[in-house]
Amino acid sequence: MSSLPNKTLRFAPPRLAWLGMAVAMLLAGCGHEQVRRVSDSGSNGTVADIATKKERRPGQQAAVIAVRQIGVPYRYGGSTTQGFDCSGLVQYAYAKSGTRIPRTTAQQWQQLNPISKDNLQVGDLLFFNIEGKIAHVGLYLGSRRFVHAPATGREVSIAELDSGFYRQAFVRGGRPD
């Protein structure tokens, strides 16, 4: 997968700090996240209560889990925190959220419900055509960003769906039942 560009977003702060920023960005970009208004005791104001882990859809939870893997090295065939390939990262994140999906990019492409670019939700899989075949997958984070394990010598990172390479290579999304 060395043909993927080196145009992923990099964060300078320590891992824990940028993990917090990435999760905040994920939650902020999620327009369909359930929010309850709770009255503030004794005042007319309200307090927004971000949905708890129990209230998240499996795809949203998978996205949070995948973001936590930022910095883990790419490893061909990898599906553990020791190293991930693209489909291994996606399968791992969904498994940790309680949803089973196929292991390989080709199996994921074939078995998940197709989703157009205009209907993407946080946690949807993004499929990319690399050198004439569906050969790369990432996990959508909202705000036109996704997390993925890009290539040998690289690490799990966040990339822009609208960057030149990924915009041209994107084929469609996919969503588990």
N, C-alpha and C. Protein backbone atom coordinates (compact mmCIF):
# COMPACT_ATOMS: atom_id res chain seq x y z
N MET A 1 0.83 -1.19 0.00
CA MET A 1 0.00 0.00 0.00
C MET A 1 0.87 1.25 0.00
N SER A 2 2.08 1.13 -0.49
CA SER A 2 2.99 2.27 -0.46
C SER A 2 2.58 3.38 -1.42
N SER A 3 1.54 3.16 -2.22
CA SER A 3 1.12 4.18 -3.15
C SER A 3 0.24 5.25 -2.51
N LEU A 4 -0.12 5.08 -1.25
CA LEU A 4 -0.93 6.09 -0.58
C LEU A 4 -0.08 7.32 -0.30
N PRO A 5 -0.64 8.51 -0.46
CA PRO A 5 0.14 9.73 -0.25
C PRO A 5 0.43 9.96 1.22
N ASN A 6 1.43 10.75 1.46
CA ASN A 6 1.80 11.10 2.82
C ASN A 6 1.14 12.42 3.17
N LYS A 7 -0.20 12.47 3.09
CA LYS A 7 -0.93 13.71 3.34
C LYS A 7 -1.92 13.56 4.48
N THR A 8 -1.56 12.79 5.50
CA THR A 8 -2.43 12.66 6.65
C THR A 8 -2.14 13.79 7.62
N LEU A 9 -3.11 14.07 8.47
CA LEU A 9 -2.93 15.14 9.44
C LEU A 9 -2.03 14.65 10.56
N ARG A 10 -1.12 15.46 10.98
CA ARG A 10 -0.22 15.14 12.08
C ARG A 10 -0.52 16.08 13.24
N PHE A 11 -0.39 15.58 14.45
CA PHE A 11 -0.62 16.39 15.62
C PHE A 11 0.66 16.45 16.43
N ALA A 12 1.06 17.63 16.85
CA ALA A 12 2.31 17.82 17.57
C ALA A 12 2.21 17.52 19.07
N PRO A 13 1.05 17.76 19.72
CA PRO A 13 0.98 17.53 21.17
C PRO A 13 1.20 16.06 21.51
N PRO A 14 1.50 15.76 22.78
CA PRO A 14 1.65 14.37 23.20
C PRO A 14 0.40 13.56 22.85
N ARG A 15 0.58 12.25 22.73
CA ARG A 15 -0.49 11.34 22.27
C ARG A 15 -1.80 11.55 23.02
N LEU A 16 -1.77 11.62 24.32
CA LEU A 16 -2.99 11.75 25.09
C LEU A 16 -3.71 13.06 24.79
N ALA A 17 -2.97 14.13 24.63
CA ALA A 17 -3.59 15.43 24.35
C ALA A 17 -4.27 15.42 23.00
N TRP A 18 -3.60 14.90 21.95
CA TRP A 18 -4.25 14.92 20.63
C TRP A 18 -5.33 13.89 20.52
N LEU A 19 -5.26 12.84 21.33
CA LEU A 19 -6.36 11.89 21.36
C LEU A 19 -7.62 12.59 21.85
N GLY A 20 -7.48 13.40 22.88
CA GLY A 20 -8.62 14.16 23.38
C GLY A 20 -9.16 15.12 22.34
N MET A 21 -8.24 15.78 21.62
CA MET A 21 -8.67 16.71 20.57
C MET A 21 -9.40 15.95 19.46
N ALA A 22 -8.88 14.79 19.07
CA ALA A 22 -9.51 14.02 17.99
C ALA A 22 -10.89 13.53 18.40
N VAL A 23 -11.04 13.06 19.64
CA VAL A 23 -12.35 12.61 20.11
C VAL A 23 -13.31 13.79 20.18
N ALA A 24 -12.84 14.94 20.65
CA ALA A 24 -13.69 16.13 20.69
C ALA A 24 -14.12 16.52 19.29
N MET A 25 -13.19 16.46 18.33
CA MET A 25 -13.52 16.77 16.94
C MET A 25 -14.55 15.78 16.40
N LEU A 26 -14.38 14.51 16.73
CA LEU A 26 -15.33 13.49 16.31
C LEU A 26 -16.72 13.78 16.84
N LEU A 27 -16.82 14.08 18.11
CA LEU A 27 -18.13 14.34 18.70
C LEU A 27 -18.72 15.66 18.21
N ALA A 28 -17.88 16.65 17.99
CA ALA A 28 -18.37 17.94 17.50
C ALA A 28 -18.88 17.83 16.08
N GLY A 29 -18.27 16.98 15.27
CA GLY A 29 -18.67 16.83 13.88
C GLY A 29 -19.88 15.95 13.69
N CYS A 30 -20.39 15.40 14.74
CA CYS A 30 -21.49 14.45 14.63
C CYS A 30 -22.81 15.16 14.87
N GLY A 31 -23.43 15.65 13.80
CA GLY A 31 -24.66 16.41 13.91
C GLY A 31 -25.85 15.61 14.37
N HIS A 32 -25.77 14.30 14.27
CA HIS A 32 -26.91 13.49 14.67
C HIS A 32 -26.72 12.88 16.05
N GLU A 33 -25.67 13.27 16.76
CA GLU A 33 -25.45 12.79 18.11
C GLU A 33 -26.62 13.23 18.99
N GLN A 34 -27.14 12.29 19.75
CA GLN A 34 -28.28 12.59 20.60
C GLN A 34 -27.85 13.53 21.72
N VAL A 35 -28.58 14.60 21.92
CA VAL A 35 -28.30 15.55 22.99
C VAL A 35 -29.57 15.79 23.77
N ARG A 36 -29.47 15.67 25.10
CA ARG A 36 -30.62 15.95 25.96
C ARG A 36 -30.39 17.28 26.64
N ARG A 37 -31.44 18.03 26.80
CA ARG A 37 -31.33 19.28 27.55
C ARG A 37 -31.82 19.01 28.97
N VAL A 38 -30.99 19.38 29.90
CA VAL A 38 -31.31 19.16 31.30
C VAL A 38 -31.35 20.53 31.96
N SER A 39 -32.43 20.82 32.68
CA SER A 39 -32.52 22.16 33.28
C SER A 39 -31.47 22.30 34.37
N ASP A 40 -30.87 23.47 34.40
CA ASP A 40 -29.88 23.82 35.40
C ASP A 40 -30.63 24.20 36.66
N SER A 41 -30.27 23.62 37.77
CA SER A 41 -31.05 23.84 38.99
C SER A 41 -31.22 25.31 39.32
N GLY A 42 -32.47 25.76 39.39
CA GLY A 42 -32.80 27.09 39.81
C GLY A 42 -32.63 28.18 38.76
N SER A 43 -32.28 27.85 37.52
CA SER A 43 -32.12 28.90 36.52
C SER A 43 -32.89 28.54 35.26
N ASN A 44 -32.96 29.48 34.33
CA ASN A 44 -33.64 29.23 33.07
C ASN A 44 -32.70 28.63 32.02
N GLY A 45 -31.39 28.50 32.34
CA GLY A 45 -30.42 27.97 31.39
C GLY A 45 -30.55 26.46 31.23
N THR A 46 -29.86 25.93 30.25
CA THR A 46 -29.85 24.48 30.04
C THR A 46 -28.42 24.01 29.94
N VAL A 47 -28.22 22.74 30.16
CA VAL A 47 -26.91 22.11 30.05
C VAL A 47 -27.04 20.99 29.03
N ALA A 48 -26.20 21.02 27.98
CA ALA A 48 -26.22 19.94 26.99
C ALA A 48 -25.49 18.73 27.57
N ASP A 49 -26.13 17.57 27.48
CA ASP A 49 -25.55 16.34 27.99
C ASP A 49 -25.17 15.48 26.79
N ILE A 50 -23.89 15.39 26.52
CA ILE A 50 -23.44 14.57 25.39
C ILE A 50 -23.81 13.12 25.67
N ALA A 51 -24.23 12.43 24.62
CA ALA A 51 -24.66 11.04 24.75
C ALA A 51 -23.57 10.20 25.42
N THR A 52 -23.99 9.31 26.28
CA THR A 52 -23.06 8.42 26.96
C THR A 52 -22.71 7.27 26.04
N LYS A 53 -21.71 6.52 26.46
CA LYS A 53 -21.26 5.36 25.69
C LYS A 53 -22.44 4.44 25.36
N LYS A 54 -23.35 4.23 26.30
CA LYS A 54 -24.51 3.35 26.08
C LYS A 54 -25.42 3.87 24.98
N GLU A 55 -25.47 5.19 24.78
CA GLU A 55 -26.40 5.77 23.81
C GLU A 55 -25.81 5.87 22.41
N ARG A 56 -24.52 5.60 22.25
CA ARG A 56 -23.90 5.69 20.93
C ARG A 56 -24.28 4.48 20.08
N ARG A 57 -24.40 4.73 18.77
CA ARG A 57 -24.55 3.63 17.82
C ARG A 57 -23.23 2.87 17.77
N PRO A 58 -23.25 1.59 17.36
CA PRO A 58 -21.98 0.85 17.27
C PRO A 58 -20.96 1.54 16.36
N GLY A 59 -21.39 2.14 15.26
CA GLY A 59 -20.46 2.83 14.37
C GLY A 59 -19.79 4.01 15.05
N GLN A 60 -20.55 4.75 15.84
CA GLN A 60 -19.96 5.88 16.57
C GLN A 60 -18.94 5.38 17.59
N GLN A 61 -19.29 4.30 18.28
CA GLN A 61 -18.36 3.73 19.26
C GLN A 61 -17.12 3.19 18.55
N ALA A 62 -17.30 2.55 17.39
CA ALA A 62 -16.15 2.04 16.63
C ALA A 62 -15.23 3.19 16.21
N ALA A 63 -15.80 4.32 15.83
CA ALA A 63 -14.99 5.48 15.43
C ALA A 63 -14.15 5.97 16.61
N VAL A 64 -14.74 6.04 17.79
CA VAL A 64 -14.00 6.46 18.98
C VAL A 64 -12.86 5.49 19.26
N ILE A 65 -13.14 4.20 19.16
CA ILE A 65 -12.11 3.17 19.41
C ILE A 65 -10.99 3.29 18.38
N ALA A 66 -11.33 3.50 17.12
CA ALA A 66 -10.32 3.63 16.07
C ALA A 66 -9.44 4.85 16.31
N VAL A 67 -10.02 5.96 16.71
CA VAL A 67 -9.25 7.18 16.99
C VAL A 67 -8.26 6.92 18.12
N ARG A 68 -8.62 6.10 19.06
CA ARG A 68 -7.70 5.78 20.17
C ARG A 68 -6.46 5.03 19.68
N GLN A 69 -6.50 4.51 18.46
CA GLN A 69 -5.37 3.75 17.92
C GLN A 69 -4.39 4.62 17.15
N ILE A 70 -4.65 5.92 17.08
CA ILE A 70 -3.74 6.81 16.36
C ILE A 70 -2.32 6.65 16.91
N GLY A 71 -1.38 6.50 16.00
CA GLY A 71 0.02 6.31 16.39
C GLY A 71 0.47 4.86 16.37
N VAL A 72 -0.48 3.91 16.34
CA VAL A 72 -0.11 2.50 16.26
C VAL A 72 0.45 2.26 14.86
N PRO A 73 1.54 1.51 14.75
CA PRO A 73 2.16 1.32 13.43
C PRO A 73 1.31 0.47 12.48
N TYR A 74 1.49 0.74 11.18
CA TYR A 74 0.89 -0.11 10.15
C TYR A 74 1.62 -1.45 10.16
N ARG A 75 0.86 -2.52 10.08
CA ARG A 75 1.45 -3.85 9.95
C ARG A 75 0.57 -4.66 9.01
N TYR A 76 1.12 -5.08 7.90
CA TYR A 76 0.35 -5.87 6.93
C TYR A 76 -0.22 -7.10 7.62
N GLY A 77 -1.53 -7.29 7.49
CA GLY A 77 -2.21 -8.42 8.13
C GLY A 77 -2.51 -8.18 9.60
N GLY A 78 -2.13 -7.02 10.13
CA GLY A 78 -2.29 -6.75 11.55
C GLY A 78 -3.71 -6.37 11.94
N SER A 79 -4.13 -6.87 13.09
CA SER A 79 -5.47 -6.54 13.60
C SER A 79 -5.46 -6.42 15.12
N THR A 80 -4.30 -6.02 15.66
CA THR A 80 -4.17 -5.82 17.10
C THR A 80 -3.48 -4.48 17.37
N THR A 81 -3.43 -4.11 18.63
CA THR A 81 -2.78 -2.85 19.00
C THR A 81 -1.27 -2.89 18.81
N GLN A 82 -0.73 -4.03 18.42
CA GLN A 82 0.69 -4.12 18.07
C GLN A 82 0.93 -3.60 16.65
N GLY A 83 -0.13 -3.58 15.84
CA GLY A 83 -0.04 -3.09 14.47
C GLY A 83 -1.30 -3.44 13.70
N PHE A 84 -1.71 -2.52 12.83
CA PHE A 84 -2.94 -2.70 12.04
C PHE A 84 -2.67 -2.50 10.57
N ASP A 85 -3.38 -3.28 9.74
CA ASP A 85 -3.54 -2.86 8.36
C ASP A 85 -4.91 -2.19 8.30
N CYS A 86 -5.31 -1.66 7.15
CA CYS A 86 -6.52 -0.85 7.09
C CYS A 86 -7.77 -1.62 7.52
N SER A 87 -7.96 -2.81 6.97
CA SER A 87 -9.18 -3.56 7.31
C SER A 87 -9.10 -4.14 8.71
N GLY A 88 -7.89 -4.42 9.18
CA GLY A 88 -7.72 -4.91 10.55
C GLY A 88 -8.11 -3.86 11.58
N LEU A 89 -7.77 -2.61 11.31
CA LEU A 89 -8.17 -1.52 12.20
C LEU A 89 -9.68 -1.41 12.27
N VAL A 90 -10.33 -1.45 11.11
CA VAL A 90 -11.79 -1.31 11.05
C VAL A 90 -12.46 -2.49 11.77
N GLN A 91 -12.00 -3.71 11.49
CA GLN A 91 -12.59 -4.87 12.13
C GLN A 91 -12.39 -4.81 13.65
N TYR A 92 -11.19 -4.45 14.09
CA TYR A 92 -10.88 -4.34 15.51
C TYR A 92 -11.82 -3.35 16.20
N ALA A 93 -11.96 -2.16 15.61
CA ALA A 93 -12.79 -1.12 16.23
C ALA A 93 -14.24 -1.57 16.33
N TYR A 94 -14.76 -2.20 15.29
CA TYR A 94 -16.14 -2.68 15.34
C TYR A 94 -16.28 -3.83 16.33
N ALA A 95 -15.32 -4.73 16.38
CA ALA A 95 -15.39 -5.85 17.34
C ALA A 95 -15.44 -5.33 18.77
N LYS A 96 -14.60 -4.32 19.06
CA LYS A 96 -14.58 -3.74 20.41
C LYS A 96 -15.89 -3.01 20.73
N SER A 97 -16.62 -2.58 19.68
CA SER A 97 -17.91 -1.92 19.91
C SER A 97 -19.05 -2.93 19.96
N GLY A 98 -18.73 -4.22 19.78
CA GLY A 98 -19.74 -5.27 19.88
C GLY A 98 -20.37 -5.68 18.56
N THR A 99 -19.79 -5.29 17.45
CA THR A 99 -20.35 -5.62 16.13
C THR A 99 -19.30 -6.39 15.32
N ARG A 100 -19.72 -7.53 14.79
CA ARG A 100 -18.81 -8.33 13.97
C ARG A 100 -18.93 -7.89 12.51
N ILE A 101 -17.79 -7.65 11.89
CA ILE A 101 -17.74 -7.38 10.46
C ILE A 101 -16.63 -8.24 9.87
N PRO A 102 -16.65 -8.46 8.56
CA PRO A 102 -15.61 -9.29 7.93
C PRO A 102 -14.21 -8.73 8.13
N ARG A 103 -13.20 -9.57 7.89
CA ARG A 103 -11.80 -9.18 8.14
C ARG A 103 -11.16 -8.39 7.01
N THR A 104 -11.36 -8.78 5.77
CA THR A 104 -10.61 -8.14 4.69
C THR A 104 -11.42 -7.01 4.05
N THR A 105 -10.69 -6.11 3.38
CA THR A 105 -11.35 -5.01 2.67
C THR A 105 -12.34 -5.54 1.64
N ALA A 106 -11.96 -6.57 0.89
CA ALA A 106 -12.85 -7.14 -0.13
C ALA A 106 -14.12 -7.71 0.50
N GLN A 107 -13.98 -8.43 1.62
CA GLN A 107 -15.16 -8.99 2.30
C GLN A 107 -16.04 -7.88 2.87
N GLN A 108 -15.42 -6.85 3.42
CA GLN A 108 -16.19 -5.73 3.96
C GLN A 108 -16.96 -5.04 2.83
N TRP A 109 -16.30 -4.81 1.71
CA TRP A 109 -16.92 -4.20 0.53
C TRP A 109 -18.14 -5.00 0.09
N GLN A 110 -18.01 -6.31 0.03
CA GLN A 110 -19.08 -7.18 -0.46
C GLN A 110 -20.24 -7.32 0.51
N GLN A 111 -19.98 -7.33 1.80
CA GLN A 111 -21.01 -7.68 2.76
C GLN A 111 -21.70 -6.52 3.47
N LEU A 112 -21.16 -5.31 3.37
CA LEU A 112 -21.78 -4.18 4.07
C LEU A 112 -22.72 -3.42 3.14
N ASN A 113 -23.73 -2.80 3.72
CA ASN A 113 -24.70 -2.02 2.95
C ASN A 113 -24.03 -0.80 2.32
N PRO A 114 -24.18 -0.61 1.01
CA PRO A 114 -23.57 0.55 0.33
C PRO A 114 -24.17 1.87 0.83
N ILE A 115 -23.30 2.87 1.00
CA ILE A 115 -23.71 4.21 1.44
C ILE A 115 -23.04 5.23 0.52
N SER A 116 -23.82 6.17 0.03
CA SER A 116 -23.25 7.20 -0.85
C SER A 116 -22.49 8.24 -0.02
N LYS A 117 -21.66 9.01 -0.69
CA LYS A 117 -20.86 10.04 -0.03
C LYS A 117 -21.75 11.06 0.69
N ASP A 118 -22.94 11.32 0.15
CA ASP A 118 -23.85 12.31 0.73
C ASP A 118 -24.57 11.80 1.97
N ASN A 119 -24.53 10.50 2.23
CA ASN A 119 -25.27 9.92 3.36
C ASN A 119 -24.37 9.32 4.43
N LEU A 120 -23.10 9.70 4.44
CA LEU A 120 -22.16 9.14 5.41
C LEU A 120 -22.50 9.58 6.83
N GLN A 121 -22.32 8.65 7.75
CA GLN A 121 -22.48 8.92 9.17
C GLN A 121 -21.19 8.50 9.88
N VAL A 122 -20.95 9.07 11.05
CA VAL A 122 -19.79 8.69 11.84
C VAL A 122 -19.80 7.18 12.03
N GLY A 123 -18.67 6.55 11.73
CA GLY A 123 -18.52 5.11 11.89
C GLY A 123 -18.70 4.33 10.60
N ASP A 124 -19.18 4.97 9.53
CA ASP A 124 -19.29 4.27 8.26
C ASP A 124 -17.90 3.96 7.72
N LEU A 125 -17.81 2.87 6.98
CA LEU A 125 -16.56 2.51 6.32
C LEU A 125 -16.45 3.28 5.02
N LEU A 126 -15.25 3.67 4.65
CA LEU A 126 -14.98 4.36 3.39
C LEU A 126 -14.09 3.46 2.55
N PHE A 127 -14.51 3.20 1.33
CA PHE A 127 -13.76 2.31 0.45
C PHE A 127 -13.09 3.11 -0.65
N PHE A 128 -11.83 2.74 -0.93
CA PHE A 128 -11.02 3.45 -1.91
C PHE A 128 -10.48 2.49 -2.97
N ASN A 129 -10.48 2.96 -4.21
CA ASN A 129 -9.93 2.22 -5.33
C ASN A 129 -8.46 2.62 -5.47
N ILE A 130 -7.58 1.65 -5.27
CA ILE A 130 -6.14 1.87 -5.39
C ILE A 130 -5.64 0.97 -6.51
N GLU A 131 -5.10 1.60 -7.54
CA GLU A 131 -4.55 0.87 -8.68
C GLU A 131 -5.54 -0.12 -9.27
N GLY A 132 -6.78 0.32 -9.43
CA GLY A 132 -7.79 -0.47 -10.12
C GLY A 132 -8.58 -1.47 -9.30
N LYS A 133 -8.40 -1.51 -8.00
CA LYS A 133 -9.20 -2.42 -7.17
C LYS A 133 -9.51 -1.79 -5.82
N ILE A 134 -10.57 -2.28 -5.20
CA ILE A 134 -10.94 -1.80 -3.86
C ILE A 134 -9.89 -2.37 -2.91
N ALA A 135 -8.98 -1.52 -2.48
CA ALA A 135 -7.82 -2.00 -1.74
C ALA A 135 -7.53 -1.21 -0.47
N HIS A 136 -8.40 -0.28 -0.10
CA HIS A 136 -8.16 0.48 1.12
C HIS A 136 -9.49 0.85 1.75
N VAL A 137 -9.51 0.85 3.09
CA VAL A 137 -10.71 1.17 3.84
C VAL A 137 -10.33 2.02 5.06
N GLY A 138 -11.21 2.95 5.40
CA GLY A 138 -11.03 3.78 6.58
C GLY A 138 -12.36 3.92 7.29
N LEU A 139 -12.37 4.59 8.42
CA LEU A 139 -13.56 4.77 9.24
C LEU A 139 -13.91 6.25 9.32
N TYR A 140 -15.10 6.61 8.86
CA TYR A 140 -15.51 8.01 8.77
C TYR A 140 -15.72 8.61 10.16
N LEU A 141 -15.20 9.85 10.33
CA LEU A 141 -15.29 10.55 11.62
C LEU A 141 -16.23 11.74 11.59
N GLY A 142 -16.77 12.07 10.42
CA GLY A 142 -17.55 13.29 10.29
C GLY A 142 -16.64 14.41 9.83
N SER A 143 -17.23 15.52 9.43
CA SER A 143 -16.48 16.70 8.99
C SER A 143 -15.47 16.37 7.90
N ARG A 144 -15.81 15.39 7.05
CA ARG A 144 -15.00 15.01 5.89
C ARG A 144 -13.63 14.46 6.28
N ARG A 145 -13.52 13.84 7.46
CA ARG A 145 -12.28 13.24 7.94
C ARG A 145 -12.51 11.76 8.21
N PHE A 146 -11.41 11.01 8.16
CA PHE A 146 -11.49 9.59 8.48
C PHE A 146 -10.19 9.13 9.13
N VAL A 147 -10.29 8.04 9.87
CA VAL A 147 -9.13 7.43 10.50
C VAL A 147 -8.82 6.15 9.72
N HIS A 148 -7.53 5.89 9.53
CA HIS A 148 -7.14 4.71 8.76
C HIS A 148 -5.71 4.30 9.10
N ALA A 149 -5.36 3.09 8.67
CA ALA A 149 -3.99 2.60 8.75
C ALA A 149 -3.46 2.64 7.32
N PRO A 150 -2.70 3.68 6.95
CA PRO A 150 -2.42 3.96 5.55
C PRO A 150 -1.47 3.02 4.81
N ALA A 151 -0.30 2.74 5.34
CA ALA A 151 0.68 1.99 4.54
C ALA A 151 1.88 1.60 5.38
N THR A 152 2.66 0.68 4.87
CA THR A 152 3.90 0.26 5.51
C THR A 152 4.77 1.48 5.80
N GLY A 153 5.32 1.51 7.02
CA GLY A 153 6.17 2.62 7.41
C GLY A 153 5.41 3.80 7.99
N ARG A 154 4.12 3.70 8.03
CA ARG A 154 3.28 4.79 8.55
C ARG A 154 2.54 4.31 9.79
N GLU A 155 1.70 5.17 10.35
CA GLU A 155 0.93 4.87 11.57
C GLU A 155 -0.54 5.16 11.34
N VAL A 156 -1.38 4.61 12.19
CA VAL A 156 -2.80 4.95 12.17
C VAL A 156 -2.90 6.46 12.33
N SER A 157 -3.69 7.10 11.48
CA SER A 157 -3.77 8.55 11.47
C SER A 157 -5.11 9.01 10.90
N ILE A 158 -5.34 10.30 10.96
CA ILE A 158 -6.56 10.91 10.42
C ILE A 158 -6.20 11.58 9.10
N ALA A 159 -7.07 11.43 8.11
CA ALA A 159 -6.86 12.04 6.80
C ALA A 159 -8.13 12.78 6.38
N GLU A 160 -7.98 13.62 5.38
CA GLU A 160 -9.09 14.41 4.83
C GLU A 160 -9.69 13.67 3.62
N LEU A 161 -10.98 13.43 3.66
CA LEU A 161 -11.66 12.77 2.54
C LEU A 161 -11.61 13.62 1.28
N ASP A 162 -11.54 14.94 1.43
CA ASP A 162 -11.54 15.83 0.28
C ASP A 162 -10.14 16.16 -0.24
N SER A 163 -9.09 15.54 0.33
CA SER A 163 -7.76 15.77 -0.23
C SER A 163 -7.73 15.15 -1.62
N GLY A 164 -6.87 15.67 -2.49
CA GLY A 164 -6.85 15.24 -3.89
C GLY A 164 -6.84 13.74 -4.10
N PHE A 165 -5.91 13.05 -3.45
CA PHE A 165 -5.80 11.60 -3.64
C PHE A 165 -7.06 10.87 -3.20
N TYR A 166 -7.49 11.11 -1.97
CA TYR A 166 -8.63 10.37 -1.44
C TYR A 166 -9.95 10.76 -2.11
N ARG A 167 -10.08 12.00 -2.50
CA ARG A 167 -11.29 12.43 -3.22
C ARG A 167 -11.42 11.65 -4.53
N GLN A 168 -10.32 11.47 -5.24
CA GLN A 168 -10.34 10.74 -6.50
C GLN A 168 -10.48 9.24 -6.30
N ALA A 169 -9.89 8.70 -5.24
CA ALA A 169 -9.89 7.25 -5.01
C ALA A 169 -11.18 6.75 -4.33
N PHE A 170 -11.92 7.65 -3.67
CA PHE A 170 -13.12 7.23 -2.94
C PHE A 170 -14.15 6.63 -3.89
N VAL A 171 -14.72 5.49 -3.49
CA VAL A 171 -15.75 4.83 -4.31
C VAL A 171 -17.11 4.93 -3.65
N ARG A 172 -17.20 4.50 -2.39
CA ARG A 172 -18.46 4.58 -1.64
C ARG A 172 -18.20 4.24 -0.19
N GLY A 173 -19.25 4.45 0.62
CA GLY A 173 -19.19 4.03 2.02
C GLY A 173 -19.87 2.69 2.19
N GLY A 174 -19.78 2.17 3.40
CA GLY A 174 -20.47 0.93 3.76
C GLY A 174 -20.86 0.99 5.21
N ARG A 175 -21.97 0.32 5.54
CA ARG A 175 -22.47 0.35 6.92
C ARG A 175 -23.00 -1.03 7.30
N PRO A 176 -22.59 -1.55 8.46
CA PRO A 176 -23.14 -2.82 8.94
C PRO A 176 -24.64 -2.68 9.21
N ASP A 177 -25.36 -3.79 9.15
CA ASP A 177 -26.81 -3.77 9.46
C ASP A 177 -27.08 -3.24 10.83
